[in-house]
N, C-alpha and C. Protein backbone atom coordinates (compact mmCIF):
# COMPACT_ATOMS: atom_id res chain seq x y z
N MET A 1 11.75 -31.56 -5.39
CA MET A 1 12.05 -31.41 -6.81
C MET A 1 10.76 -31.22 -7.59
N GLU A 2 10.77 -30.27 -8.49
CA GLU A 2 9.60 -30.05 -9.33
C GLU A 2 9.44 -31.22 -10.29
N SER A 3 8.19 -31.56 -10.56
CA SER A 3 7.98 -32.69 -11.46
C SER A 3 8.08 -32.24 -12.92
N LEU A 4 8.64 -33.13 -13.72
CA LEU A 4 8.82 -32.85 -15.14
C LEU A 4 7.47 -32.78 -15.82
N GLN A 5 7.40 -32.00 -16.88
CA GLN A 5 6.15 -31.79 -17.58
C GLN A 5 6.29 -32.06 -19.07
N VAL A 6 5.16 -32.30 -19.69
CA VAL A 6 5.02 -32.24 -21.14
C VAL A 6 4.00 -31.14 -21.33
N ARG A 7 4.38 -30.10 -22.07
CA ARG A 7 3.51 -28.93 -22.19
C ARG A 7 3.45 -28.47 -23.64
N ILE A 8 2.28 -28.03 -24.04
CA ILE A 8 2.09 -27.49 -25.39
C ILE A 8 2.31 -25.98 -25.36
N PHE A 9 3.14 -25.48 -26.28
CA PHE A 9 3.30 -24.04 -26.47
C PHE A 9 2.62 -23.68 -27.79
N PRO A 10 1.55 -22.88 -27.73
CA PRO A 10 0.87 -22.47 -28.96
C PRO A 10 1.61 -21.33 -29.66
N HIS A 11 1.46 -21.24 -30.97
CA HIS A 11 2.06 -20.15 -31.76
C HIS A 11 0.99 -19.53 -32.63
N SER A 12 1.00 -18.22 -32.69
CA SER A 12 -0.07 -17.52 -33.40
C SER A 12 0.40 -17.01 -34.76
N GLN A 13 -0.59 -16.76 -35.61
CA GLN A 13 -0.29 -16.18 -36.92
C GLN A 13 0.18 -14.74 -36.78
N ASP A 14 -0.08 -14.11 -35.65
CA ASP A 14 0.41 -12.75 -35.42
C ASP A 14 1.94 -12.73 -35.41
N GLU A 15 2.54 -13.74 -34.78
CA GLU A 15 4.00 -13.80 -34.72
C GLU A 15 4.61 -14.62 -35.83
N PHE A 16 3.90 -15.64 -36.26
CA PHE A 16 4.40 -16.53 -37.31
C PHE A 16 3.33 -16.61 -38.39
N PRO A 17 3.51 -15.88 -39.50
CA PRO A 17 2.47 -15.80 -40.52
C PRO A 17 2.14 -17.13 -41.19
N SER A 18 3.05 -18.10 -41.11
CA SER A 18 2.80 -19.41 -41.71
C SER A 18 3.47 -20.48 -40.87
N GLU A 19 3.03 -21.71 -41.06
CA GLU A 19 3.65 -22.83 -40.36
C GLU A 19 5.13 -22.93 -40.76
N ASP A 20 5.42 -22.73 -42.04
CA ASP A 20 6.82 -22.79 -42.49
C ASP A 20 7.70 -21.77 -41.80
N SER A 21 7.15 -20.58 -41.52
CA SER A 21 7.95 -19.56 -40.83
C SER A 21 8.29 -20.01 -39.42
N LEU A 22 7.36 -20.69 -38.75
CA LEU A 22 7.64 -21.23 -37.41
C LEU A 22 8.69 -22.34 -37.50
N LEU A 23 8.53 -23.25 -38.45
CA LEU A 23 9.47 -24.36 -38.59
C LEU A 23 10.89 -23.86 -38.84
N THR A 24 11.02 -22.89 -39.72
CA THR A 24 12.34 -22.31 -40.02
C THR A 24 12.91 -21.64 -38.78
N TRP A 25 12.08 -20.89 -38.06
CA TRP A 25 12.52 -20.19 -36.85
C TRP A 25 13.00 -21.18 -35.79
N LEU A 26 12.27 -22.29 -35.61
CA LEU A 26 12.66 -23.28 -34.60
C LEU A 26 14.03 -23.87 -34.89
N LEU A 27 14.27 -24.23 -36.15
CA LEU A 27 15.54 -24.90 -36.49
C LEU A 27 16.72 -23.95 -36.68
N THR A 28 16.46 -22.67 -36.92
CA THR A 28 17.57 -21.74 -37.16
C THR A 28 17.68 -20.68 -36.07
N SER A 29 16.72 -19.81 -35.98
CA SER A 29 16.80 -18.68 -35.04
C SER A 29 16.81 -19.10 -33.59
N LEU A 30 15.92 -20.02 -33.21
CA LEU A 30 15.89 -20.45 -31.81
C LEU A 30 17.21 -21.10 -31.42
N ARG A 31 17.77 -21.91 -32.30
CA ARG A 31 19.07 -22.51 -32.02
C ARG A 31 20.17 -21.46 -31.97
N ALA A 32 20.12 -20.51 -32.90
CA ALA A 32 21.17 -19.48 -32.97
C ALA A 32 21.21 -18.61 -31.71
N ARG A 33 20.07 -18.47 -31.04
CA ARG A 33 20.09 -17.68 -29.81
C ARG A 33 20.19 -18.55 -28.58
N GLY A 34 20.81 -19.72 -28.75
CA GLY A 34 21.11 -20.59 -27.62
C GLY A 34 19.89 -21.23 -26.99
N GLY A 35 18.80 -21.35 -27.74
CA GLY A 35 17.60 -21.99 -27.22
C GLY A 35 16.72 -21.07 -26.39
N GLU A 36 17.06 -19.77 -26.32
CA GLU A 36 16.26 -18.84 -25.51
C GLU A 36 14.94 -18.54 -26.20
N TYR A 37 13.85 -18.89 -25.53
CA TYR A 37 12.50 -18.76 -26.05
C TYR A 37 11.76 -17.77 -25.16
N TYR A 38 11.31 -16.66 -25.72
CA TYR A 38 10.64 -15.64 -24.94
C TYR A 38 9.14 -15.90 -24.85
N LEU A 39 8.60 -15.70 -23.66
CA LEU A 39 7.16 -15.80 -23.42
C LEU A 39 6.59 -14.39 -23.29
N ARG A 40 5.50 -14.11 -23.97
CA ARG A 40 4.88 -12.78 -23.89
C ARG A 40 4.52 -12.43 -22.46
N HIS A 41 3.94 -13.40 -21.74
CA HIS A 41 3.47 -13.15 -20.38
C HIS A 41 4.17 -14.09 -19.42
N SER A 42 4.66 -13.53 -18.33
CA SER A 42 5.39 -14.36 -17.36
C SER A 42 4.50 -15.40 -16.71
N ASP A 43 3.19 -15.20 -16.74
CA ASP A 43 2.28 -16.17 -16.12
C ASP A 43 1.69 -17.17 -17.12
N SER A 44 2.23 -17.22 -18.34
CA SER A 44 1.75 -18.19 -19.33
C SER A 44 1.93 -19.62 -18.82
N VAL A 45 3.04 -19.86 -18.14
CA VAL A 45 3.28 -21.15 -17.49
C VAL A 45 3.76 -20.86 -16.08
N LYS A 46 3.27 -21.64 -15.11
CA LYS A 46 3.66 -21.42 -13.72
C LYS A 46 5.13 -21.72 -13.51
N ASP A 47 5.53 -22.90 -13.90
CA ASP A 47 6.93 -23.32 -13.80
C ASP A 47 7.18 -24.29 -14.94
N LEU A 48 8.41 -24.53 -15.22
CA LEU A 48 8.76 -25.47 -16.29
C LEU A 48 10.18 -25.96 -16.00
N PRO A 49 10.31 -27.01 -15.20
CA PRO A 49 11.63 -27.44 -14.76
C PRO A 49 12.48 -28.04 -15.88
N PRO A 50 13.81 -27.96 -15.75
CA PRO A 50 14.71 -28.58 -16.72
C PRO A 50 14.38 -30.07 -16.88
N GLY A 51 14.45 -30.52 -18.14
CA GLY A 51 14.11 -31.91 -18.45
C GLY A 51 12.69 -32.07 -18.95
N SER A 52 11.87 -31.03 -18.78
CA SER A 52 10.50 -31.06 -19.31
C SER A 52 10.55 -31.00 -20.83
N VAL A 53 9.50 -31.47 -21.47
CA VAL A 53 9.41 -31.46 -22.92
C VAL A 53 8.31 -30.49 -23.33
N VAL A 54 8.62 -29.62 -24.29
CA VAL A 54 7.64 -28.70 -24.83
C VAL A 54 7.32 -29.11 -26.25
N LEU A 55 6.02 -29.18 -26.54
CA LEU A 55 5.53 -29.48 -27.88
C LEU A 55 5.12 -28.16 -28.53
N PHE A 56 5.62 -27.89 -29.71
CA PHE A 56 5.33 -26.65 -30.41
C PHE A 56 4.10 -26.84 -31.30
N ARG A 57 3.11 -25.99 -31.10
CA ARG A 57 1.85 -26.11 -31.82
C ARG A 57 1.65 -24.93 -32.76
N TYR A 58 1.14 -25.23 -33.95
CA TYR A 58 0.73 -24.20 -34.89
C TYR A 58 -0.62 -24.63 -35.45
N GLY A 59 -1.64 -23.84 -35.19
CA GLY A 59 -2.98 -24.19 -35.65
C GLY A 59 -3.42 -25.50 -35.05
N HIS A 60 -3.77 -26.45 -35.91
CA HIS A 60 -4.26 -27.75 -35.44
C HIS A 60 -3.21 -28.85 -35.56
N GLU A 61 -1.93 -28.45 -35.45
CA GLU A 61 -0.86 -29.43 -35.56
C GLU A 61 0.23 -29.20 -34.53
N ILE A 62 0.81 -30.29 -34.05
CA ILE A 62 2.03 -30.23 -33.23
C ILE A 62 3.16 -30.40 -34.23
N VAL A 63 4.01 -29.38 -34.34
CA VAL A 63 5.02 -29.37 -35.40
C VAL A 63 6.40 -29.82 -34.93
N GLY A 64 6.61 -29.90 -33.61
CA GLY A 64 7.92 -30.30 -33.11
C GLY A 64 7.99 -30.24 -31.60
N GLU A 65 9.21 -30.35 -31.10
CA GLU A 65 9.43 -30.41 -29.66
C GLU A 65 10.82 -29.94 -29.30
N ALA A 66 11.04 -29.73 -28.01
CA ALA A 66 12.36 -29.42 -27.47
C ALA A 66 12.36 -29.74 -25.98
N VAL A 67 13.55 -29.96 -25.44
CA VAL A 67 13.72 -30.26 -24.02
C VAL A 67 14.20 -29.00 -23.30
N VAL A 68 13.57 -28.71 -22.17
CA VAL A 68 13.93 -27.53 -21.37
C VAL A 68 15.29 -27.76 -20.72
N TRP A 69 16.18 -26.80 -20.91
CA TRP A 69 17.51 -26.84 -20.30
C TRP A 69 17.52 -26.00 -19.02
N LYS A 70 16.97 -24.78 -19.10
CA LYS A 70 16.82 -23.90 -17.94
C LYS A 70 15.35 -23.52 -17.84
N GLY A 71 14.80 -23.70 -16.66
CA GLY A 71 13.38 -23.41 -16.45
C GLY A 71 13.03 -21.94 -16.65
N LYS A 72 11.78 -21.63 -16.45
CA LYS A 72 11.28 -20.28 -16.68
C LYS A 72 12.01 -19.26 -15.81
N GLU A 73 12.44 -18.19 -16.46
CA GLU A 73 13.07 -17.07 -15.77
C GLU A 73 12.23 -15.84 -16.08
N VAL A 74 11.72 -15.18 -15.06
CA VAL A 74 10.91 -13.98 -15.23
C VAL A 74 11.84 -12.78 -15.37
N PHE A 75 11.57 -11.93 -16.36
CA PHE A 75 12.36 -10.71 -16.54
C PHE A 75 11.91 -9.68 -15.51
N PRO A 76 12.86 -9.00 -14.84
CA PRO A 76 12.47 -7.96 -13.87
C PRO A 76 11.69 -6.83 -14.57
N ASP A 77 12.11 -6.50 -15.78
CA ASP A 77 11.40 -5.53 -16.61
C ASP A 77 11.13 -6.23 -17.94
N LYS A 78 10.02 -5.89 -18.55
CA LYS A 78 9.71 -6.52 -19.85
C LYS A 78 10.85 -6.29 -20.83
N VAL A 79 11.10 -7.29 -21.67
CA VAL A 79 12.14 -7.22 -22.69
C VAL A 79 11.45 -6.97 -24.03
N LYS A 80 12.01 -6.08 -24.83
CA LYS A 80 11.45 -5.81 -26.16
C LYS A 80 12.28 -6.54 -27.20
N ASP A 81 11.58 -7.11 -28.17
CA ASP A 81 12.22 -7.82 -29.26
C ASP A 81 11.30 -7.70 -30.47
N ARG A 82 11.82 -8.01 -31.63
CA ARG A 82 11.01 -7.96 -32.85
C ARG A 82 10.51 -9.34 -33.22
N THR A 83 9.28 -9.40 -33.68
CA THR A 83 8.71 -10.65 -34.16
C THR A 83 9.20 -10.85 -35.60
N LEU A 84 8.88 -12.02 -36.17
CA LEU A 84 9.26 -12.30 -37.56
C LEU A 84 8.63 -11.32 -38.53
N THR A 85 7.48 -10.77 -38.15
CA THR A 85 6.80 -9.82 -39.03
C THR A 85 7.34 -8.40 -38.87
N GLY A 86 8.34 -8.24 -37.99
CA GLY A 86 8.95 -6.93 -37.80
C GLY A 86 8.31 -6.07 -36.73
N GLU A 87 7.25 -6.56 -36.13
CA GLU A 87 6.57 -5.83 -35.06
C GLU A 87 7.41 -5.90 -33.79
N GLU A 88 7.38 -4.82 -33.02
CA GLU A 88 8.04 -4.84 -31.72
C GLU A 88 7.07 -5.41 -30.71
N ALA A 89 7.55 -6.33 -29.88
CA ALA A 89 6.70 -6.97 -28.87
C ALA A 89 7.44 -6.99 -27.54
N GLU A 90 6.65 -7.05 -26.48
CA GLU A 90 7.22 -7.13 -25.13
C GLU A 90 7.06 -8.55 -24.59
N TYR A 91 8.09 -9.00 -23.87
CA TYR A 91 8.10 -10.34 -23.34
C TYR A 91 8.37 -10.29 -21.83
N GLY A 92 7.71 -11.17 -21.08
CA GLY A 92 7.81 -11.14 -19.63
C GLY A 92 8.70 -12.20 -19.02
N ALA A 93 9.08 -13.22 -19.80
CA ALA A 93 9.88 -14.31 -19.25
C ALA A 93 10.55 -15.07 -20.38
N LYS A 94 11.43 -15.98 -20.01
CA LYS A 94 12.04 -16.84 -21.02
C LYS A 94 12.22 -18.24 -20.46
N VAL A 95 12.26 -19.18 -21.39
CA VAL A 95 12.60 -20.58 -21.11
C VAL A 95 13.75 -20.89 -22.05
N THR A 96 14.76 -21.61 -21.58
CA THR A 96 15.88 -21.95 -22.44
C THR A 96 15.87 -23.45 -22.72
N PHE A 97 15.85 -23.77 -24.01
CA PHE A 97 15.86 -25.16 -24.44
C PHE A 97 17.28 -25.60 -24.76
N ALA A 98 17.54 -26.89 -24.62
CA ALA A 98 18.80 -27.46 -25.10
C ALA A 98 18.73 -27.39 -26.62
N SER A 99 19.60 -26.59 -27.22
CA SER A 99 19.54 -26.36 -28.67
C SER A 99 19.54 -27.64 -29.48
N SER A 100 20.32 -28.61 -29.06
CA SER A 100 20.42 -29.86 -29.81
C SER A 100 19.16 -30.72 -29.71
N SER A 101 18.26 -30.38 -28.79
CA SER A 101 17.03 -31.17 -28.62
C SER A 101 15.88 -30.68 -29.49
N ILE A 102 16.04 -29.54 -30.14
CA ILE A 102 14.97 -28.97 -30.96
C ILE A 102 14.82 -29.82 -32.21
N ARG A 103 13.64 -30.39 -32.40
CA ARG A 103 13.40 -31.20 -33.59
C ARG A 103 11.96 -31.04 -34.05
N LEU A 104 11.77 -31.24 -35.34
CA LEU A 104 10.47 -31.10 -35.96
C LEU A 104 9.88 -32.46 -36.24
N TYR A 105 8.57 -32.50 -36.37
CA TYR A 105 7.86 -33.72 -36.75
C TYR A 105 7.51 -33.60 -38.23
N ALA A 106 7.92 -34.58 -39.02
CA ALA A 106 7.62 -34.56 -40.46
C ALA A 106 6.93 -35.86 -40.84
N PRO A 107 5.64 -35.82 -41.09
CA PRO A 107 4.76 -34.66 -41.08
C PRO A 107 4.36 -34.28 -39.64
N PRO A 108 3.82 -33.06 -39.46
CA PRO A 108 3.34 -32.64 -38.14
C PRO A 108 2.26 -33.60 -37.63
N LEU A 109 2.10 -33.64 -36.32
CA LEU A 109 1.10 -34.48 -35.68
C LEU A 109 -0.20 -33.68 -35.52
N PRO A 110 -1.28 -34.10 -36.19
CA PRO A 110 -2.55 -33.38 -36.01
C PRO A 110 -3.02 -33.49 -34.55
N VAL A 111 -3.53 -32.39 -34.00
CA VAL A 111 -3.97 -32.43 -32.60
C VAL A 111 -5.12 -33.41 -32.40
N GLU A 112 -5.85 -33.71 -33.46
CA GLU A 112 -6.91 -34.71 -33.35
C GLU A 112 -6.34 -36.08 -32.98
N ARG A 113 -5.14 -36.39 -33.48
CA ARG A 113 -4.48 -37.67 -33.14
C ARG A 113 -4.04 -37.65 -31.67
N LEU A 114 -3.58 -36.52 -31.20
CA LEU A 114 -3.19 -36.37 -29.81
C LEU A 114 -4.42 -36.46 -28.91
N GLN A 115 -5.51 -35.85 -29.34
CA GLN A 115 -6.74 -35.84 -28.55
C GLN A 115 -7.24 -37.25 -28.24
N LEU A 116 -6.99 -38.20 -29.12
CA LEU A 116 -7.42 -39.59 -28.89
C LEU A 116 -6.87 -40.15 -27.58
N HIS A 117 -5.74 -39.62 -27.12
CA HIS A 117 -5.08 -40.11 -25.91
C HIS A 117 -5.35 -39.23 -24.69
N LEU A 118 -6.23 -38.24 -24.84
CA LEU A 118 -6.47 -37.27 -23.77
C LEU A 118 -7.96 -37.17 -23.43
N PRO A 119 -8.50 -38.15 -22.72
CA PRO A 119 -9.94 -38.11 -22.45
C PRO A 119 -10.38 -36.94 -21.56
N GLU A 120 -9.47 -36.39 -20.74
CA GLU A 120 -9.88 -35.33 -19.80
C GLU A 120 -9.56 -33.91 -20.28
N LYS A 121 -8.88 -33.75 -21.40
CA LYS A 121 -8.51 -32.41 -21.88
C LYS A 121 -8.99 -32.26 -23.31
N ASP A 122 -9.28 -31.02 -23.67
CA ASP A 122 -9.70 -30.76 -25.05
C ASP A 122 -8.66 -29.87 -25.72
N VAL A 123 -7.68 -30.49 -26.37
CA VAL A 123 -6.63 -29.73 -27.04
C VAL A 123 -7.06 -29.26 -28.42
N VAL A 124 -8.15 -29.79 -28.93
CA VAL A 124 -8.66 -29.35 -30.23
C VAL A 124 -9.35 -27.99 -30.07
N LYS A 125 -10.20 -27.89 -29.07
CA LYS A 125 -10.99 -26.68 -28.86
C LYS A 125 -10.16 -25.51 -28.30
N PHE A 126 -9.22 -25.81 -27.42
CA PHE A 126 -8.44 -24.76 -26.75
C PHE A 126 -7.06 -24.63 -27.38
N ALA A 127 -7.02 -24.13 -28.60
CA ALA A 127 -5.79 -24.07 -29.39
C ALA A 127 -4.74 -23.12 -28.82
N GLY A 128 -5.15 -22.09 -28.11
CA GLY A 128 -4.19 -21.10 -27.61
C GLY A 128 -3.69 -21.35 -26.21
N ALA A 129 -4.03 -22.49 -25.64
CA ALA A 129 -3.65 -22.76 -24.25
C ALA A 129 -2.26 -23.40 -24.15
N TYR A 130 -1.57 -23.07 -23.06
CA TYR A 130 -0.28 -23.69 -22.73
C TYR A 130 -0.59 -24.95 -21.92
N THR A 131 -1.21 -25.90 -22.56
CA THR A 131 -1.73 -27.09 -21.90
C THR A 131 -0.62 -27.98 -21.35
N SER A 132 -0.82 -28.40 -20.10
CA SER A 132 0.10 -29.36 -19.48
C SER A 132 -0.50 -30.75 -19.64
N LEU A 133 0.32 -31.68 -20.08
CA LEU A 133 -0.13 -33.05 -20.32
C LEU A 133 0.53 -33.99 -19.33
N ASP A 134 -0.11 -35.09 -19.06
CA ASP A 134 0.47 -36.11 -18.20
C ASP A 134 1.71 -36.68 -18.89
N TRP A 135 2.75 -36.91 -18.11
CA TRP A 135 4.02 -37.39 -18.68
C TRP A 135 3.85 -38.68 -19.45
N SER A 136 2.92 -39.54 -19.04
CA SER A 136 2.72 -40.84 -19.70
C SER A 136 2.30 -40.69 -21.16
N ILE A 137 1.79 -39.53 -21.55
CA ILE A 137 1.33 -39.32 -22.93
C ILE A 137 2.50 -39.16 -23.90
N TYR A 138 3.67 -38.79 -23.38
CA TYR A 138 4.80 -38.51 -24.26
C TYR A 138 5.20 -39.72 -25.11
N GLY A 139 5.21 -40.90 -24.53
CA GLY A 139 5.53 -42.11 -25.29
C GLY A 139 4.55 -42.33 -26.43
N ARG A 140 3.29 -42.03 -26.19
CA ARG A 140 2.26 -42.17 -27.23
C ARG A 140 2.47 -41.15 -28.35
N ILE A 141 2.90 -39.95 -27.97
CA ILE A 141 3.18 -38.92 -28.98
C ILE A 141 4.32 -39.39 -29.88
N LEU A 142 5.39 -39.89 -29.28
CA LEU A 142 6.52 -40.38 -30.06
C LEU A 142 6.09 -41.51 -30.98
N HIS A 143 5.26 -42.39 -30.48
CA HIS A 143 4.75 -43.50 -31.31
C HIS A 143 3.96 -42.96 -32.50
N GLU A 144 3.09 -41.98 -32.26
CA GLU A 144 2.30 -41.38 -33.34
C GLU A 144 3.21 -40.76 -34.39
N VAL A 145 4.25 -40.06 -33.94
CA VAL A 145 5.16 -39.38 -34.87
C VAL A 145 5.91 -40.39 -35.74
N VAL A 146 6.52 -41.38 -35.12
CA VAL A 146 7.34 -42.32 -35.90
C VAL A 146 6.52 -43.31 -36.71
N SER A 147 5.25 -43.51 -36.36
CA SER A 147 4.43 -44.43 -37.14
C SER A 147 3.99 -43.80 -38.45
N SER A 148 4.05 -42.46 -38.54
CA SER A 148 3.63 -41.81 -39.79
C SER A 148 4.72 -40.97 -40.44
N GLY A 149 5.88 -40.86 -39.79
CA GLY A 149 6.92 -40.01 -40.36
C GLY A 149 8.24 -40.11 -39.62
N VAL A 150 8.94 -38.99 -39.58
CA VAL A 150 10.28 -38.95 -38.99
C VAL A 150 10.48 -37.67 -38.19
N PHE A 151 11.61 -37.58 -37.50
CA PHE A 151 12.04 -36.37 -36.82
C PHE A 151 13.02 -35.63 -37.73
N VAL A 152 12.96 -34.32 -37.72
CA VAL A 152 13.92 -33.49 -38.45
C VAL A 152 14.62 -32.63 -37.41
N SER A 153 15.97 -32.70 -37.41
CA SER A 153 16.70 -31.89 -36.44
C SER A 153 17.87 -31.20 -37.08
């Protein structure tokens, strides 16, 4: 059995011009399409088994999370879709989240707060990486979120 992961998915201003546009997309569009999340490159993540948790990152903040329902599926041929800015983009794979598990952090968790618990990784410097975190960090993330705010779902 593949081991469960906690992984950061970065989001760029190219696809999401503002943090608010990402937050709106996560709670509305991602849910409306059954949790199907397209990855530009099929090799962005090696594997991502069901039950894993993905943290959504925008800039220097973790803005929310979701639980993987169906692991990574590579498209035989690239799939074309439009970004929020109307640009056509090609995607190589998808991950499907449990729609009901998609939730936002209010306020978002600054990556500097997350970095305090990660002595061996630099999540501040490597903002565009699909960083895999040790599962034990997830409890600390939840503690950080609820000690300063709430979940929005």
